Amino acid sequence: MEKNNNNFLIDSYVYTPIKKEIEIDNIISFHYYEYTENFDGLEESHDFWELIYANSGTIVCKEGEKEYNLKQGELIVHPPLARHKLIALGKKSSSLIVSFTCDGLYKYKTKEKVIKM
């Protein structure tokens, strides 16, 4: 390794290209929520994707007739135009919700998955 004029080591970095599987086009919103006890949200639908991450507690994500229980560290992604709502169970539930536009997620069938982080 060589040193520059300020006596710092100059490392050799290797740039490794990565394959872009998913590319987010736009961020619509980025919210962190701490829910009141047994919060029961309104059903909604919109033309963008919505990622819901359970930061604490248990959050029920309803999408149509299906229910998904998210525990701390799990997430779900609702596709555009899917009717959905959130229900927080217990006293200390919180979530991070990111809304965005993206074409590449359709091939992953995210509608059926709860992802553990």
C-alpha atoms as a PDB file:
ATOM      1  CA  MET A   1       0.000   0.000   0.000  1.00  0.00           C
ATOM      2  CA  GLU A   2       1.190   3.460  -0.750  1.00  0.00           C
ATOM      3  CA  LYS A   3       0.675   6.651   1.214  1.00  0.00           C
ATOM      4  CA  ASN A   4      -0.510  10.017  -0.045  1.00  0.00           C
ATOM      5  CA  ASN A   5       0.892  13.433   1.001  1.00  0.00           C
ATOM      6  CA  ASN A   6      -1.171  13.468   4.211  1.00  0.00           C
ATOM      7  CA  ASN A   7       0.299  10.123   5.282  1.00  0.00           C
ATOM      8  CA  PHE A   8      -3.014   8.279   4.743  1.00  0.00           C
ATOM      9  CA  LEU A   9      -2.965   4.810   3.267  1.00  0.00           C
ATOM     10  CA  ILE A  10      -4.359   4.507  -0.237  1.00  0.00           C
ATOM     11  CA  ASP A  11      -6.333   1.280  -0.512  1.00  0.00           C
ATOM     12  CA  SER A  12      -7.173  -0.502  -3.688  1.00  0.00           C
ATOM     13  CA  TYR A  13     -10.938  -0.664  -3.890  1.00  0.00           C
ATOM     14  CA  VAL A  14     -12.664  -3.091  -6.198  1.00  0.00           C
ATOM     15  CA  TYR A  15     -15.874  -1.808  -7.760  1.00  0.00           C
ATOM     16  CA  THR A  16     -18.322  -4.662  -8.228  1.00  0.00           C
ATOM     17  CA  PRO A  17     -21.296  -4.041 -10.521  1.00  0.00           C
ATOM     18  CA  ILE A  18     -24.635  -5.316  -9.256  1.00  0.00           C
ATOM     19  CA  LYS A  19     -27.634  -6.476 -11.223  1.00  0.00           C
ATOM     20  CA  LYS A  20     -30.592  -4.119 -10.802  1.00  0.00           C
ATOM     21  CA  GLU A  21     -33.511  -6.400  -9.983  1.00  0.00           C
ATOM     22  CA  ILE A  22     -35.795  -3.688  -8.668  1.00  0.00           C
ATOM     23  CA  GLU A  23     -35.584   0.002  -9.410  1.00  0.00           C
ATOM     24  CA  ILE A  24     -37.783   2.447  -7.520  1.00  0.00           C
ATOM     25  CA  ASP A  25     -38.897   5.296  -9.763  1.00  0.00           C
ATOM     26  CA  ASN A  26     -40.437   7.667  -7.183  1.00  0.00           C
ATOM     27  CA  ILE A  27     -40.884   7.905  -3.416  1.00  0.00           C
ATOM     28  CA  ILE A  28     -44.435   9.040  -2.656  1.00  0.00           C
ATOM     29  CA  SER A  29     -44.286   9.081   1.146  1.00  0.00           C
ATOM     30  CA  PHE A  30     -42.176   7.892   4.064  1.00  0.00           C
ATOM     31  CA  HIS A  31     -43.948   7.718   7.446  1.00  0.00           C
ATOM     32  CA  TYR A  32     -43.267   6.334  10.906  1.00  0.00           C
ATOM     33  CA  TYR A  33     -46.358   5.683  13.042  1.00  0.00           C
ATOM     34  CA  GLU A  34     -46.833   4.841  16.713  1.00  0.00           C
ATOM     35  CA  TYR A  35     -50.371   3.531  17.050  1.00  0.00           C
ATOM     36  CA  THR A  36     -52.862   4.019  19.850  1.00  0.00           C
ATOM     37  CA  GLU A  37     -54.088   0.895  21.611  1.00  0.00           C
ATOM     38  CA  ASN A  38     -56.055  -1.312  19.194  1.00  0.00           C
ATOM     39  CA  PHE A  39     -55.891   1.222  16.336  1.00  0.00           C
ATOM     40  CA  ASP A  40     -58.227   0.271  13.465  1.00  0.00           C
ATOM     41  CA  GLY A  41     -57.379   2.170  10.278  1.00  0.00           C
ATOM     42  CA  LEU A  42     -59.503   3.035   7.276  1.00  0.00           C
ATOM     43  CA  GLU A  43     -59.460   0.895   4.161  1.00  0.00           C
ATOM     44  CA  GLU A  44     -57.608   2.560   1.303  1.00  0.00           C
ATOM     45  CA  SER A  45     -56.462   2.003  -2.263  1.00  0.00           C
ATOM     46  CA  HIS A  46     -54.013   3.977  -4.419  1.00  0.00           C
ATOM     47  CA  ASP A  47     -52.024   3.710  -7.641  1.00  0.00           C
ATOM     48  CA  PHE A  48     -48.588   3.073  -6.053  1.00  0.00           C
ATOM     49  CA  TRP A  49     -46.842   0.365  -4.027  1.00  0.00           C
ATOM     50  CA  GLU A  50     -46.854   0.487  -0.225  1.00  0.00           C
ATOM     51  CA  LEU A  51     -44.294  -1.257   1.982  1.00  0.00           C
ATOM     52  CA  ILE A  52     -45.334  -1.740   5.615  1.00  0.00           C
ATOM     53  CA  TYR A  53     -42.654  -2.701   8.148  1.00  0.00           C
ATOM     54  CA  ALA A  54     -43.671  -3.685  11.695  1.00  0.00           C
ATOM     55  CA  ASN A  55     -41.206  -1.889  13.944  1.00  0.00           C
ATOM     56  CA  SER A  56     -42.800  -3.078  17.200  1.00  0.00           C
ATOM     57  CA  GLY A  57     -45.804  -5.032  18.390  1.00  0.00           C
ATOM     58  CA  THR A  58     -48.185  -6.833  16.045  1.00  0.00           C
ATOM     59  CA  ILE A  59     -49.911  -5.240  13.077  1.00  0.00           C
ATOM     60  CA  VAL A  60     -52.684  -6.903  11.097  1.00  0.00           C
ATOM     61  CA  CYS A  61     -52.621  -6.010   7.402  1.00  0.00           C
ATOM     62  CA  LYS A  62     -55.905  -6.749   5.671  1.00  0.00           C
ATOM     63  CA  GLU A  63     -55.918  -6.951   1.905  1.00  0.00           C
ATOM     64  CA  GLY A  64     -59.298  -7.848   0.506  1.00  0.00           C
ATOM     65  CA  GLU A  65     -60.437 -10.984   2.363  1.00  0.00           C
ATOM     66  CA  LYS A  66     -56.907 -11.971   3.455  1.00  0.00           C
ATOM     67  CA  GLU A  67     -55.240 -11.055   6.751  1.00  0.00           C
ATOM     68  CA  TYR A  68     -51.516 -10.999   7.433  1.00  0.00           C
ATOM     69  CA  ASN A  69     -50.162 -10.687  10.981  1.00  0.00           C
ATOM     70  CA  LEU A  70     -46.902  -8.769  10.954  1.00  0.00           C
ATOM     71  CA  LYS A  71     -44.709  -9.163  13.999  1.00  0.00           C
ATOM     72  CA  GLN A  72     -41.731  -6.966  14.834  1.00  0.00           C
ATOM     73  CA  GLY A  73     -39.167  -7.174  12.038  1.00  0.00           C
ATOM     74  CA  GLU A  74     -41.572  -8.347   9.323  1.00  0.00           C
ATOM     75  CA  LEU A  75     -42.887  -6.480   6.292  1.00  0.00           C
ATOM     76  CA  ILE A  76     -45.418  -6.774   3.533  1.00  0.00           C
ATOM     77  CA  VAL A  77     -45.757  -4.948   0.219  1.00  0.00           C
ATOM     78  CA  HIS A  78     -49.197  -4.023  -1.126  1.00  0.00           C
ATOM     79  CA  PRO A  79     -49.373  -3.639  -4.927  1.00  0.00           C
ATOM     80  CA  PRO A  80     -51.047  -0.681  -6.625  1.00  0.00           C
ATOM     81  CA  LEU A  81     -54.859  -0.593  -6.440  1.00  0.00           C
ATOM     82  CA  ALA A  82     -55.086  -3.304  -3.748  1.00  0.00           C
ATOM     83  CA  ARG A  83     -57.672  -2.380  -1.099  1.00  0.00           C
ATOM     84  CA  HIS A  84     -56.013  -2.654   2.297  1.00  0.00           C
ATOM     85  CA  LYS A  85     -56.094  -1.467   5.906  1.00  0.00           C
ATOM     86  CA  LEU A  86     -54.060  -1.746   9.120  1.00  0.00           C
ATOM     87  CA  ILE A  87     -55.065  -2.801  12.608  1.00  0.00           C
ATOM     88  CA  ALA A  88     -52.601  -2.479  15.491  1.00  0.00           C
ATOM     89  CA  LEU A  89     -52.941  -5.114  18.197  1.00  0.00           C
ATOM     90  CA  GLY A  90     -52.041  -4.243  21.765  1.00  0.00           C
ATOM     91  CA  LYS A  91     -50.550  -1.100  23.234  1.00  0.00           C
ATOM     92  CA  LYS A  92     -47.111  -0.670  21.679  1.00  0.00           C
ATOM     93  CA  SER A  93     -47.336  -1.150  17.934  1.00  0.00           C
ATOM     94  CA  SER A  94     -45.435   0.985  15.449  1.00  0.00           C
ATOM     95  CA  SER A  95     -44.685   0.823  11.742  1.00  0.00           C
ATOM     96  CA  LEU A  96     -42.645   2.364   8.985  1.00  0.00           C
ATOM     97  CA  ILE A  97     -44.612   2.846   5.764  1.00  0.00           C
ATOM     98  CA  VAL A  98     -42.949   3.706   2.457  1.00  0.00           C
ATOM     99  CA  SER A  99     -45.036   4.402  -0.653  1.00  0.00           C
ATOM    100  CA  PHE A 100     -43.348   4.319  -4.057  1.00  0.00           C
ATOM    101  CA  THR A 101     -43.704   3.637  -7.778  1.00  0.00           C
ATOM    102  CA  CYS A 102     -41.889   0.696  -9.322  1.00  0.00           C
ATOM    103  CA  ASP A 103     -42.482  -1.638 -12.271  1.00  0.00           C
ATOM    104  CA  GLY A 104     -40.128  -4.474 -11.294  1.00  0.00           C
ATOM    105  CA  LEU A 105     -41.969  -5.890  -8.268  1.00  0.00           C
ATOM    106  CA  TYR A 106     -44.805  -7.555 -10.180  1.00  0.00           C
ATOM    107  CA  LYS A 107     -42.653 -10.564 -11.083  1.00  0.00           C
ATOM    108  CA  TYR A 108     -41.992 -11.356  -7.407  1.00  0.00           C
ATOM    109  CA  LYS A 109     -45.648 -11.935  -6.452  1.00  0.00           C
ATOM    110  CA  THR A 110     -45.226  -9.771  -3.347  1.00  0.00           C
ATOM    111  CA  LYS A 111     -48.971  -9.792  -2.763  1.00  0.00           C
ATOM    112  CA  GLU A 112     -48.773 -13.193  -1.051  1.00  0.00           C
ATOM    113  CA  LYS A 113     -45.704 -12.727   1.137  1.00  0.00           C
ATOM    114  CA  VAL A 114     -44.795 -11.606   4.597  1.00  0.00           C
ATOM    115  CA  ILE A 115     -41.043 -11.009   4.584  1.00  0.00           C
ATOM    116  CA  LYS A 116     -38.980 -11.512   7.737  1.00  0.00           C
ATOM    117  CA  MET A 117     -36.070  -9.120   8.106  1.00  0.00           C
END
